[in-house]
């Protein structure tokens, strides 16, 4: 694991902790910083990080607090408080 990947893991942990502690602006800052690190170093963000962040407002999503999660036939729909929906496929 290289330095950028380690930094992305650390920023993911910091964003999760900030969101759980009730500081959404700090979590948003960590998400934006992680995306910049990934772009500059041409490293893809881990799947867990991509699934728990909003593409529109860069919020770290916590189901029940600032995200709604619904199951539909063949996919999961995650709706952020800003109104943007993300759909992810799943298999039974």
C-alpha atoms as a PDB file:
ATOM      1  CA  UNK A   1       0.000   0.000   0.000  1.00  0.00           C
ATOM      2  CA  UNK A   2       1.452   3.313  -1.057  1.00  0.00           C
ATOM      3  CA  UNK A   3       1.450   6.642   0.705  1.00  0.00           C
ATOM      4  CA  UNK A   4      -1.632   8.024  -1.150  1.00  0.00           C
ATOM      5  CA  UNK A   5      -3.673   4.916  -0.329  1.00  0.00           C
ATOM      6  CA  UNK A   6      -2.707   5.158   3.331  1.00  0.00           C
ATOM      7  CA  UNK A   7      -3.665   8.825   3.374  1.00  0.00           C
ATOM      8  CA  UNK A   8      -7.039   8.006   1.789  1.00  0.00           C
ATOM      9  CA  UNK A   9      -7.702   5.389   4.465  1.00  0.00           C
ATOM     10  CA  UNK A  10      -6.812   7.886   7.188  1.00  0.00           C
ATOM     11  CA  UNK A  11      -9.021  10.606   5.680  1.00  0.00           C
ATOM     12  CA  UNK A  12     -11.885   8.112   5.417  1.00  0.00           C
ATOM     13  CA  UNK A  13     -11.558   7.298   9.108  1.00  0.00           C
ATOM     14  CA  UNK A  14     -11.404  10.999  10.014  1.00  0.00           C
ATOM     15  CA  UNK A  15     -14.477  11.806   7.901  1.00  0.00           C
ATOM     16  CA  UNK A  16     -16.438   8.963   9.498  1.00  0.00           C
ATOM     17  CA  UNK A  17     -15.460  10.074  13.003  1.00  0.00           C
ATOM     18  CA  UNK A  18     -16.315  13.725  12.320  1.00  0.00           C
ATOM     19  CA  UNK A  19     -19.707  12.800  10.886  1.00  0.00           C
ATOM     20  CA  UNK A  20     -20.509  10.591  13.868  1.00  0.00           C
ATOM     21  CA  UNK A  21     -19.477  13.323  16.287  1.00  0.00           C
ATOM     22  CA  UNK A  22     -21.940  15.730  14.661  1.00  0.00           C
ATOM     23  CA  UNK A  23     -19.501  17.930  12.731  1.00  0.00           C
ATOM     24  CA  UNK A  24     -20.664  17.654   9.096  1.00  0.00           C
ATOM     25  CA  UNK A  25     -18.541  20.556   7.843  1.00  0.00           C
ATOM     26  CA  UNK A  26     -15.319  18.937   9.039  1.00  0.00           C
ATOM     27  CA  UNK A  27     -16.407  15.618   7.513  1.00  0.00           C
ATOM     28  CA  UNK A  28     -17.118  17.427   4.225  1.00  0.00           C
ATOM     29  CA  UNK A  29     -13.627  18.962   4.365  1.00  0.00           C
ATOM     30  CA  UNK A  30     -12.035  15.521   4.791  1.00  0.00           C
ATOM     31  CA  UNK A  31     -14.067  14.114   1.883  1.00  0.00           C
ATOM     32  CA  UNK A  32     -13.003  16.951  -0.423  1.00  0.00           C
ATOM     33  CA  UNK A  33      -9.380  16.560   0.638  1.00  0.00           C
ATOM     34  CA  UNK A  34      -9.487  12.803  -0.017  1.00  0.00           C
ATOM     35  CA  UNK A  35     -10.923  13.350  -3.497  1.00  0.00           C
ATOM     36  CA  UNK A  36      -8.147  15.822  -4.281  1.00  0.00           C
ATOM     37  CA  UNK A  37      -5.485  13.391  -3.042  1.00  0.00           C
ATOM     38  CA  UNK A  38      -6.963  10.661  -5.228  1.00  0.00           C
ATOM     39  CA  UNK A  39      -7.074  12.878  -8.303  1.00  0.00           C
ATOM     40  CA  UNK A  40      -3.539  14.198  -7.905  1.00  0.00           C
ATOM     41  CA  UNK A  41      -2.043  10.763  -7.401  1.00  0.00           C
ATOM     42  CA  UNK A  42      -4.325   8.948  -9.857  1.00  0.00           C
ATOM     43  CA  UNK A  43      -5.530   6.602  -7.148  1.00  0.00           C
ATOM     44  CA  UNK A  44      -9.098   5.378  -7.173  1.00  0.00           C
ATOM     45  CA  UNK A  45     -11.046   5.919  -3.962  1.00  0.00           C
ATOM     46  CA  UNK A  46     -11.964   2.719  -2.105  1.00  0.00           C
ATOM     47  CA  UNK A  47     -15.482   1.409  -2.738  1.00  0.00           C
ATOM     48  CA  UNK A  48     -16.571   1.932   0.867  1.00  0.00           C
ATOM     49  CA  UNK A  49     -15.489   5.556   0.669  1.00  0.00           C
ATOM     50  CA  UNK A  50     -17.324   6.142  -2.626  1.00  0.00           C
ATOM     51  CA  UNK A  51     -20.500   4.518  -1.323  1.00  0.00           C
ATOM     52  CA  UNK A  52     -20.620   6.630   1.831  1.00  0.00           C
ATOM     53  CA  UNK A  53     -20.078  10.039   0.245  1.00  0.00           C
ATOM     54  CA  UNK A  54     -22.450  12.258  -1.711  1.00  0.00           C
ATOM     55  CA  UNK A  55     -21.181  13.211  -5.173  1.00  0.00           C
ATOM     56  CA  UNK A  56     -23.065  16.507  -5.191  1.00  0.00           C
ATOM     57  CA  UNK A  57     -22.413  18.034  -1.766  1.00  0.00           C
ATOM     58  CA  UNK A  58     -19.415  15.940  -0.557  1.00  0.00           C
ATOM     59  CA  UNK A  59     -21.199  14.981   2.664  1.00  0.00           C
ATOM     60  CA  UNK A  60     -20.190  11.805   4.482  1.00  0.00           C
ATOM     61  CA  UNK A  61     -23.398   9.764   4.552  1.00  0.00           C
ATOM     62  CA  UNK A  62     -24.656   8.150   7.715  1.00  0.00           C
ATOM     63  CA  UNK A  63     -27.881   6.175   7.206  1.00  0.00           C
ATOM     64  CA  UNK A  64     -30.556   7.514   9.513  1.00  0.00           C
ATOM     65  CA  UNK A  65     -28.860  10.878  10.071  1.00  0.00           C
ATOM     66  CA  UNK A  66     -28.282  12.497   6.708  1.00  0.00           C
ATOM     67  CA  UNK A  67     -29.042   9.646   4.301  1.00  0.00           C
ATOM     68  CA  UNK A  68     -32.016   7.456   3.522  1.00  0.00           C
ATOM     69  CA  UNK A  69     -31.379   3.900   2.324  1.00  0.00           C
ATOM     70  CA  UNK A  70     -34.074   1.941   0.498  1.00  0.00           C
ATOM     71  CA  UNK A  71     -34.026  -1.439  -1.205  1.00  0.00           C
ATOM     72  CA  UNK A  72     -35.738  -1.796  -4.548  1.00  0.00           C
ATOM     73  CA  UNK A  73     -35.751  -4.688  -6.973  1.00  0.00           C
ATOM     74  CA  UNK A  74     -32.112  -5.373  -7.726  1.00  0.00           C
ATOM     75  CA  UNK A  75     -30.585  -2.179  -6.354  1.00  0.00           C
ATOM     76  CA  UNK A  76     -30.039  -0.040  -3.270  1.00  0.00           C
ATOM     77  CA  UNK A  77     -31.104   3.608  -3.429  1.00  0.00           C
ATOM     78  CA  UNK A  78     -29.219   6.000  -1.130  1.00  0.00           C
ATOM     79  CA  UNK A  79     -30.722   9.494  -0.898  1.00  0.00           C
ATOM     80  CA  UNK A  80     -28.712  12.332   0.625  1.00  0.00           C
ATOM     81  CA  UNK A  81     -30.318  15.251   2.478  1.00  0.00           C
ATOM     82  CA  UNK A  82     -29.467  17.452  -0.514  1.00  0.00           C
ATOM     83  CA  UNK A  83     -31.808  15.315  -2.643  1.00  0.00           C
ATOM     84  CA  UNK A  84     -29.281  13.470  -4.794  1.00  0.00           C
ATOM     85  CA  UNK A  85     -29.870   9.750  -5.212  1.00  0.00           C
ATOM     86  CA  UNK A  86     -27.254   7.081  -5.820  1.00  0.00           C
ATOM     87  CA  UNK A  87     -28.202   3.602  -6.982  1.00  0.00           C
ATOM     88  CA  UNK A  88     -26.040   0.532  -6.462  1.00  0.00           C
ATOM     89  CA  UNK A  89     -26.862  -2.943  -7.793  1.00  0.00           C
ATOM     90  CA  UNK A  90     -26.961  -6.020  -5.601  1.00  0.00           C
ATOM     91  CA  UNK A  91     -27.703  -9.696  -6.049  1.00  0.00           C
ATOM     92  CA  UNK A  92     -29.981 -11.819  -3.900  1.00  0.00           C
END
